C-alpha atoms as a PDB file:
ATOM      1  CA  UNK A   1     -10.404 -11.294  -5.152  1.00  0.00           C
ATOM      2  CA  UNK A   2     -13.031 -12.471  -7.395  1.00  0.00           C
ATOM      3  CA  UNK A   3     -14.438 -10.643 -10.337  1.00  0.00           C
ATOM      4  CA  UNK A   4     -17.449  -9.366  -8.553  1.00  0.00           C
ATOM      5  CA  UNK A   5     -15.411  -7.995  -5.770  1.00  0.00           C
ATOM      6  CA  UNK A   6     -13.054  -6.207  -8.258  1.00  0.00           C
ATOM      7  CA  UNK A   7     -15.838  -4.710 -10.162  1.00  0.00           C
ATOM      8  CA  UNK A   8     -17.619  -3.374  -7.103  1.00  0.00           C
ATOM      9  CA  UNK A   9     -14.285  -1.880  -5.852  1.00  0.00           C
ATOM     10  CA  UNK A  10     -13.539  -0.286  -9.193  1.00  0.00           C
ATOM     11  CA  UNK A  11     -17.160   1.342  -9.330  1.00  0.00           C
ATOM     12  CA  UNK A  12     -16.893   2.590  -5.817  1.00  0.00           C
ATOM     13  CA  UNK A  13     -13.273   3.980  -6.032  1.00  0.00           C
ATOM     14  CA  UNK A  14     -13.878   5.376  -9.512  1.00  0.00           C
ATOM     15  CA  UNK A  15     -17.053   7.275  -8.495  1.00  0.00           C
ATOM     16  CA  UNK A  16     -15.184   8.604  -5.437  1.00  0.00           C
ATOM     17  CA  UNK A  17     -12.025  10.031  -7.345  1.00  0.00           C
ATOM     18  CA  UNK A  18     -12.847  11.911 -10.566  1.00  0.00           C
ATOM     19  CA  UNK A  19      -9.442  13.625 -10.969  1.00  0.00           C
ATOM     20  CA  UNK A  20      -5.942  12.199 -11.490  1.00  0.00           C
ATOM     21  CA  UNK A  21      -3.601  11.974  -8.496  1.00  0.00           C
ATOM     22  CA  UNK A  22      -4.454  11.312  -4.787  1.00  0.00           C
ATOM     23  CA  UNK A  23      -7.961  11.778  -3.406  1.00  0.00           C
ATOM     24  CA  UNK A  24      -8.246  11.776   0.416  1.00  0.00           C
ATOM     25  CA  UNK A  25     -11.219  10.300   2.163  1.00  0.00           C
ATOM     26  CA  UNK A  26     -13.000  10.763   5.403  1.00  0.00           C
ATOM     27  CA  UNK A  27     -11.081   7.813   6.715  1.00  0.00           C
ATOM     28  CA  UNK A  28      -7.752   9.544   7.680  1.00  0.00           C
ATOM     29  CA  UNK A  29      -5.624   6.583   6.742  1.00  0.00           C
ATOM     30  CA  UNK A  30      -7.208   5.952   3.608  1.00  0.00           C
ATOM     31  CA  UNK A  31      -6.732   7.608   0.163  1.00  0.00           C
ATOM     32  CA  UNK A  32      -7.365   6.827  -3.280  1.00  0.00           C
ATOM     33  CA  UNK A  33      -5.065   7.055  -6.539  1.00  0.00           C
ATOM     34  CA  UNK A  34      -6.174   7.550 -10.011  1.00  0.00           C
ATOM     35  CA  UNK A  35      -4.109   8.061 -13.165  1.00  0.00           C
ATOM     36  CA  UNK A  36      -5.803   7.773 -16.758  1.00  0.00           C
ATOM     37  CA  UNK A  37      -2.756   7.469 -18.860  1.00  0.00           C
ATOM     38  CA  UNK A  38       0.739   5.940 -18.498  1.00  0.00           C
ATOM     39  CA  UNK A  39       3.405   8.152 -17.148  1.00  0.00           C
ATOM     40  CA  UNK A  40       7.180   8.346 -16.953  1.00  0.00           C
ATOM     41  CA  UNK A  41       9.048   6.846 -13.957  1.00  0.00           C
ATOM     42  CA  UNK A  42       8.483   8.994 -11.045  1.00  0.00           C
ATOM     43  CA  UNK A  43      10.695   8.979  -7.652  1.00  0.00           C
ATOM     44  CA  UNK A  44       8.442   8.515  -4.785  1.00  0.00           C
ATOM     45  CA  UNK A  45       8.771   7.910  -0.964  1.00  0.00           C
ATOM     46  CA  UNK A  46       6.466   5.066  -0.111  1.00  0.00           C
ATOM     47  CA  UNK A  47       5.051   5.295   3.510  1.00  0.00           C
ATOM     48  CA  UNK A  48       4.287   2.153   5.320  1.00  0.00           C
ATOM     49  CA  UNK A  49       1.039   1.186   3.435  1.00  0.00           C
ATOM     50  CA  UNK A  50      -1.012  -1.303   1.623  1.00  0.00           C
ATOM     51  CA  UNK A  51      -1.435  -0.465  -1.883  1.00  0.00           C
ATOM     52  CA  UNK A  52      -4.298  -2.437  -3.237  1.00  0.00           C
ATOM     53  CA  UNK A  53      -4.834  -2.273  -7.124  1.00  0.00           C
ATOM     54  CA  UNK A  54      -8.393  -1.961  -8.204  1.00  0.00           C
ATOM     55  CA  UNK A  55      -7.838  -1.543 -11.764  1.00  0.00           C
ATOM     56  CA  UNK A  56      -4.807  -1.286 -14.147  1.00  0.00           C
ATOM     57  CA  UNK A  57      -1.154  -2.208 -13.642  1.00  0.00           C
ATOM     58  CA  UNK A  58       1.740  -0.463 -11.895  1.00  0.00           C
ATOM     59  CA  UNK A  59       5.455  -1.163 -11.252  1.00  0.00           C
ATOM     60  CA  UNK A  60       7.659  -0.125  -8.474  1.00  0.00           C
ATOM     61  CA  UNK A  61      11.491  -0.279  -8.473  1.00  0.00           C
ATOM     62  CA  UNK A  62      13.807  -0.336  -5.577  1.00  0.00           C
ATOM     63  CA  UNK A  63      17.471  -0.267  -6.819  1.00  0.00           C
ATOM     64  CA  UNK A  64      17.605  -3.097  -9.363  1.00  0.00           C
ATOM     65  CA  UNK A  65      14.589  -5.072  -8.153  1.00  0.00           C
ATOM     66  CA  UNK A  66      11.263  -4.707  -9.967  1.00  0.00           C
ATOM     67  CA  UNK A  67       7.899  -5.268  -8.280  1.00  0.00           C
ATOM     68  CA  UNK A  68       4.932  -5.579 -10.519  1.00  0.00           C
ATOM     69  CA  UNK A  69       1.354  -5.512  -9.156  1.00  0.00           C
ATOM     70  CA  UNK A  70      -2.016  -5.589 -11.000  1.00  0.00           C
ATOM     71  CA  UNK A  71      -5.731  -6.268 -10.575  1.00  0.00           C
ATOM     72  CA  UNK A  72      -6.280  -8.576  -7.677  1.00  0.00           C
ATOM     73  CA  UNK A  73      -2.917  -8.119  -6.364  1.00  0.00           C
ATOM     74  CA  UNK A  74      -1.329  -5.522  -3.793  1.00  0.00           C
ATOM     75  CA  UNK A  75       1.870  -3.858  -2.596  1.00  0.00           C
ATOM     76  CA  UNK A  76       2.678  -3.947   0.965  1.00  0.00           C
ATOM     77  CA  UNK A  77       5.420  -1.456   2.241  1.00  0.00           C
ATOM     78  CA  UNK A  78       6.239  -2.285   5.631  1.00  0.00           C
ATOM     79  CA  UNK A  79       8.662   0.650   6.251  1.00  0.00           C
ATOM     80  CA  UNK A  80       9.197   4.109   4.881  1.00  0.00           C
ATOM     81  CA  UNK A  81      11.455   3.814   1.761  1.00  0.00           C
ATOM     82  CA  UNK A  82      12.381   5.598  -1.474  1.00  0.00           C
ATOM     83  CA  UNK A  83      11.603   3.801  -4.676  1.00  0.00           C
ATOM     84  CA  UNK A  84      10.460   4.510  -8.254  1.00  0.00           C
ATOM     85  CA  UNK A  85       6.891   4.085  -9.456  1.00  0.00           C
ATOM     86  CA  UNK A  86       5.301   3.794 -12.891  1.00  0.00           C
ATOM     87  CA  UNK A  87       1.913   3.355 -14.000  1.00  0.00           C
ATOM     88  CA  UNK A  88       1.897   0.771 -16.772  1.00  0.00           C
ATOM     89  CA  UNK A  89      -1.588   0.317 -17.819  1.00  0.00           C
ATOM     90  CA  UNK A  90      -4.267   2.923 -17.807  1.00  0.00           C
ATOM     91  CA  UNK A  91      -6.525   4.776 -20.374  1.00  0.00           C
ATOM     92  CA  UNK A  92      -9.339   7.468 -20.026  1.00  0.00           C
ATOM     93  CA  UNK A  93     -12.018   4.678 -20.522  1.00  0.00           C
ATOM     94  CA  UNK A  94     -10.302   2.581 -17.858  1.00  0.00           C
ATOM     95  CA  UNK A  95      -8.064   4.547 -15.488  1.00  0.00           C
ATOM     96  CA  UNK A  96      -5.504   2.962 -13.023  1.00  0.00           C
ATOM     97  CA  UNK A  97      -7.254   2.825  -9.673  1.00  0.00           C
ATOM     98  CA  UNK A  98      -5.657   2.001  -6.201  1.00  0.00           C
ATOM     99  CA  UNK A  99      -6.642   2.388  -2.646  1.00  0.00           C
ATOM    100  CA  UNK A 100      -3.751   3.079  -0.341  1.00  0.00           C
ATOM    101  CA  UNK A 101      -4.037   2.426   3.354  1.00  0.00           C
ATOM    102  CA  UNK A 102      -1.327   3.612   5.758  1.00  0.00           C
ATOM    103  CA  UNK A 103      -0.285   0.794   8.043  1.00  0.00           C
ATOM    104  CA  UNK A 104      -0.214   1.170  11.707  1.00  0.00           C
ATOM    105  CA  UNK A 105       3.193  -0.191  13.052  1.00  0.00           C
ATOM    106  CA  UNK A 106       1.590  -0.312  16.779  1.00  0.00           C
ATOM    107  CA  UNK A 107      -1.237  -2.286  15.553  1.00  0.00           C
ATOM    108  CA  UNK A 108       0.924  -4.704  13.706  1.00  0.00           C
ATOM    109  CA  UNK A 109       3.174  -5.059  16.809  1.00  0.00           C
ATOM    110  CA  UNK A 110       0.097  -5.689  19.067  1.00  0.00           C
ATOM    111  CA  UNK A 111      -1.278  -8.366  16.694  1.00  0.00           C
ATOM    112  CA  UNK A 112       2.234 -10.052  16.434  1.00  0.00           C
ATOM    113  CA  UNK A 113       2.101 -10.351  20.219  1.00  0.00           C
ATOM    114  CA  UNK A 114      -1.351 -11.868  20.164  1.00  0.00           C
ATOM    115  CA  UNK A 115      -0.414 -14.257  17.574  1.00  0.00           C
ATOM    116  CA  UNK A 116       2.185 -15.459  20.008  1.00  0.00           C
ATOM    117  CA  UNK A 117       5.054 -15.660  17.344  1.00  0.00           C
ATOM    118  CA  UNK A 118       8.138 -16.186  18.888  1.00  0.00           C
ATOM    119  CA  UNK A 119      10.325 -17.107  16.104  1.00  0.00           C
ATOM    120  CA  UNK A 120      10.364 -13.826  14.343  1.00  0.00           C
ATOM    121  CA  UNK A 121      13.888 -12.898  13.334  1.00  0.00           C
ATOM    122  CA  UNK A 122      14.137  -9.095  13.288  1.00  0.00           C
ATOM    123  CA  UNK A 123      17.864  -9.400  11.948  1.00  0.00           C
ATOM    124  CA  UNK A 124      16.466 -10.882   8.941  1.00  0.00           C
ATOM    125  CA  UNK A 125      17.175  -8.992   5.748  1.00  0.00           C
ATOM    126  CA  UNK A 126      14.070  -8.002   3.846  1.00  0.00           C
ATOM    127  CA  UNK A 127      13.469  -5.208   1.272  1.00  0.00           C
ATOM    128  CA  UNK A 128      10.333  -4.167   3.104  1.00  0.00           C
ATOM    129  CA  UNK A 129       8.238  -4.443  -0.152  1.00  0.00           C
ATOM    130  CA  UNK A 130       6.036  -7.449  -0.777  1.00  0.00           C
ATOM    131  CA  UNK A 131       3.626  -8.118  -3.708  1.00  0.00           C
ATOM    132  CA  UNK A 132       1.070 -10.280  -2.772  1.00  0.00           C
ATOM    133  CA  UNK A 133      -2.223 -11.810  -4.039  1.00  0.00           C
ATOM    134  CA  UNK A 134      -5.381 -10.133  -2.985  1.00  0.00           C
ATOM    135  CA  UNK A 135      -7.551 -12.888  -1.346  1.00  0.00           C
ATOM    136  CA  UNK A 136     -11.441 -12.691  -1.145  1.00  0.00           C
ATOM    137  CA  UNK A 137     -11.111 -12.165   2.667  1.00  0.00           C
ATOM    138  CA  UNK A 138      -8.839  -9.109   2.305  1.00  0.00           C
ATOM    139  CA  UNK A 139     -10.972  -7.920  -0.700  1.00  0.00           C
ATOM    140  CA  UNK A 140     -14.039  -8.339   1.512  1.00  0.00           C
ATOM    141  CA  UNK A 141     -12.389  -6.063   4.074  1.00  0.00           C
ATOM    142  CA  UNK A 142     -11.477  -3.423   1.501  1.00  0.00           C
ATOM    143  CA  UNK A 143     -15.020  -3.300   0.286  1.00  0.00           C
ATOM    144  CA  UNK A 144     -16.490  -3.068   3.935  1.00  0.00           C
ATOM    145  CA  UNK A 145     -14.084  -0.175   4.520  1.00  0.00           C
ATOM    146  CA  UNK A 146     -14.777   1.624   1.220  1.00  0.00           C
ATOM    147  CA  UNK A 147     -18.659   1.237   1.844  1.00  0.00           C
ATOM    148  CA  UNK A 148     -18.375   3.027   5.000  1.00  0.00           C
ATOM    149  CA  UNK A 149     -17.384   6.391   3.283  1.00  0.00           C
ATOM    150  CA  UNK A 150     -21.305   6.603   2.294  1.00  0.00           C
ATOM    151  CA  UNK A 151     -22.207   6.284   6.059  1.00  0.00           C
ATOM    152  CA  UNK A 152     -20.018   8.849   7.643  1.00  0.00           C
ATOM    153  CA  UNK A 153     -21.759   8.352  10.940  1.00  0.00           C
ATOM    154  CA  UNK A 154     -20.557   4.705  11.115  1.00  0.00           C
ATOM    155  CA  UNK A 155     -16.820   5.621  10.404  1.00  0.00           C
ATOM    156  CA  UNK A 156     -15.737   6.323  14.036  1.00  0.00           C
ATOM    157  CA  UNK A 157     -17.157   2.979  15.258  1.00  0.00           C
ATOM    158  CA  UNK A 158     -16.591   0.525  12.591  1.00  0.00           C
ATOM    159  CA  UNK A 159     -13.656   1.786  10.544  1.00  0.00           C
ATOM    160  CA  UNK A 160     -11.316   0.703  13.476  1.00  0.00           C
ATOM    161  CA  UNK A 161     -12.587  -2.716  13.487  1.00  0.00           C
ATOM    162  CA  UNK A 162     -12.088  -3.085   9.741  1.00  0.00           C
ATOM    163  CA  UNK A 163      -8.744  -1.697   9.860  1.00  0.00           C
ATOM    164  CA  UNK A 164      -7.726  -4.040  12.538  1.00  0.00           C
ATOM    165  CA  UNK A 165      -9.027  -7.036  10.501  1.00  0.00           C
ATOM    166  CA  UNK A 166      -6.950  -5.687   7.412  1.00  0.00           C
ATOM    167  CA  UNK A 167      -3.905  -5.678   9.478  1.00  0.00           C
ATOM    168  CA  UNK A 168      -4.565  -9.302  10.693  1.00  0.00           C
ATOM    169  CA  UNK A 169      -5.108 -10.446   7.143  1.00  0.00           C
ATOM    170  CA  UNK A 170      -1.825  -9.164   5.979  1.00  0.00           C
ATOM    171  CA  UNK A 171      -0.187 -10.775   8.827  1.00  0.00           C
ATOM    172  CA  UNK A 172      -1.938 -14.116   8.309  1.00  0.00           C
ATOM    173  CA  UNK A 173      -1.332 -13.994   4.491  1.00  0.00           C
ATOM    174  CA  UNK A 174       1.372 -15.308   2.304  1.00  0.00           C
ATOM    175  CA  UNK A 175       4.160 -12.638   3.512  1.00  0.00           C
ATOM    176  CA  UNK A 176       2.932 -12.273   7.083  1.00  0.00           C
ATOM    177  CA  UNK A 177       6.110 -13.518   8.930  1.00  0.00           C
ATOM    178  CA  UNK A 178       8.332 -11.383   6.538  1.00  0.00           C
ATOM    179  CA  UNK A 179       6.303  -8.375   7.336  1.00  0.00           C
ATOM    180  CA  UNK A 180       6.414  -8.996  11.090  1.00  0.00           C
ATOM    181  CA  UNK A 181      10.161  -9.309  10.766  1.00  0.00           C
ATOM    182  CA  UNK A 182      10.305  -5.608   9.363  1.00  0.00           C
ATOM    183  CA  UNK A 183       8.038  -4.019  11.904  1.00  0.00           C
ATOM    184  CA  UNK A 184       9.521  -5.124  15.083  1.00  0.00           C
ATOM    185  CA  UNK A 185      11.002  -1.977  16.928  1.00  0.00           C
ATOM    186  CA  UNK A 186      14.622  -3.217  16.962  1.00  0.00           C
ATOM    187  CA  UNK A 187      14.639  -4.899  13.478  1.00  0.00           C
ATOM    188  CA  UNK A 188      17.103  -4.023  10.894  1.00  0.00           C
ATOM    189  CA  UNK A 189      14.733  -2.626   8.616  1.00  0.00           C
ATOM    190  CA  UNK A 190      13.323  -0.182  11.305  1.00  0.00           C
ATOM    191  CA  UNK A 191      16.768   1.070  11.971  1.00  0.00           C
ATOM    192  CA  UNK A 192      17.212   1.810   8.266  1.00  0.00           C
ATOM    193  CA  UNK A 193      13.972   3.397   8.163  1.00  0.00           C
ATOM    194  CA  UNK A 194      14.542   5.712  11.139  1.00  0.00           C
ATOM    195  CA  UNK A 195      17.869   6.855   9.368  1.00  0.00           C
ATOM    196  CA  UNK A 196      16.041   7.479   6.263  1.00  0.00           C
ATOM    197  CA  UNK A 197      13.270   9.557   7.969  1.00  0.00           C
ATOM    198  CA  UNK A 198      16.083  11.723   9.953  1.00  0.00           C
ATOM    199  CA  UNK A 199      17.559  12.328   6.436  1.00  0.00           C
ATOM    200  CA  UNK A 200      14.409  13.132   4.885  1.00  0.00           C
ATOM    201  CA  UNK A 201      13.885  15.692   7.576  1.00  0.00           C
ATOM    202  CA  UNK A 202      17.276  17.419   7.343  1.00  0.00           C
ATOM    203  CA  UNK A 203      18.281  17.095   3.701  1.00  0.00           C
ATOM    204  CA  UNK A 204      16.845  18.271   0.542  1.00  0.00           C
ATOM    205  CA  UNK A 205      15.284  15.498  -1.522  1.00  0.00           C
ATOM    206  CA  UNK A 206      17.795  13.875  -3.845  1.00  0.00           C
ATOM    207  CA  UNK A 207      14.934  13.017  -6.241  1.00  0.00           C
ATOM    208  CA  UNK A 208      14.079  16.691  -6.773  1.00  0.00           C
ATOM    209  CA  UNK A 209      16.187  17.442  -9.872  1.00  0.00           C
ATOM    210  CA  UNK A 210      16.604  14.205 -11.193  1.00  0.00           C
ATOM    211  CA  UNK A 211      15.191  13.146 -14.643  1.00  0.00           C
ATOM    212  CA  UNK A 212      13.560   9.982 -15.396  1.00  0.00           C
ATOM    213  CA  UNK A 213      13.094   8.255 -18.860  1.00  0.00           C
ATOM    214  CA  UNK A 214       9.848   7.995 -20.692  1.00  0.00           C
ATOM    215  CA  UNK A 215       7.561   4.964 -20.186  1.00  0.00           C
ATOM    216  CA  UNK A 216       8.852   1.888 -22.054  1.00  0.00           C
ATOM    217  CA  UNK A 217       6.664   0.792 -24.906  1.00  0.00           C
END
C-alpha cells in the first residue's frame, strides 16, 4: 500500500467512524474499529476476518506468540479463535483505525477449487493467524469497497464483486496456501474451530472475570 492509498483510506475510515469502538457499515461484512488511546490487553474472540490497519499499530497474542501489525499491514484470521489484543499506537490527533472484513469460508473454498490447488495439506498445523503486507492490489480493493459506502445503490451489485476479489487477493498473496490449508472443511484448524464454537455457545466465557495488565511503556 503506497502513501496515497493509506492517506485516502485513513480519511475515508476516519470520517465514517467518529467514536471509539466498532462502527458497522451498510456492507454487512464490513465494519470499522477506532481507538484514540492505548488500552490494556483485552481478551477477544477473533472471527474469521481480515483486519487491515489504516492508521496506528496493534498487537495480538495467541498463547506465547505475538503478532504485530501496523499501517500497510493486515492480520488474517482464518478460523474463529480466542486471543488477546492491544492497541499500541494511538492518540486523539491520530487514532488507531482499522477496517475489519468478515471472511466467507464458502467463497474461499470455491476459489481454492478454481485455483486448482491439489497439494493443500489440511492436516498441516498452522495457528490460523497471519500477518501480511498490504499490497497495492489489496489496498485498491479496500479503497473501492470503502468508496461504495457513499453510493448505497451500488452496494448490492458491486460489493460482492469487490469482496470476491479481496478473497482472491488473500489466497494469491504471501500466506495464500497456508490460509487455504486452514479453511478446508476437514482441516485440523476447522475441527478445532468447530469445538471452540460449540464451547462458546454452551459455556460462560473464561475471559469474563480475567484481569489483564496495563499497557507496557
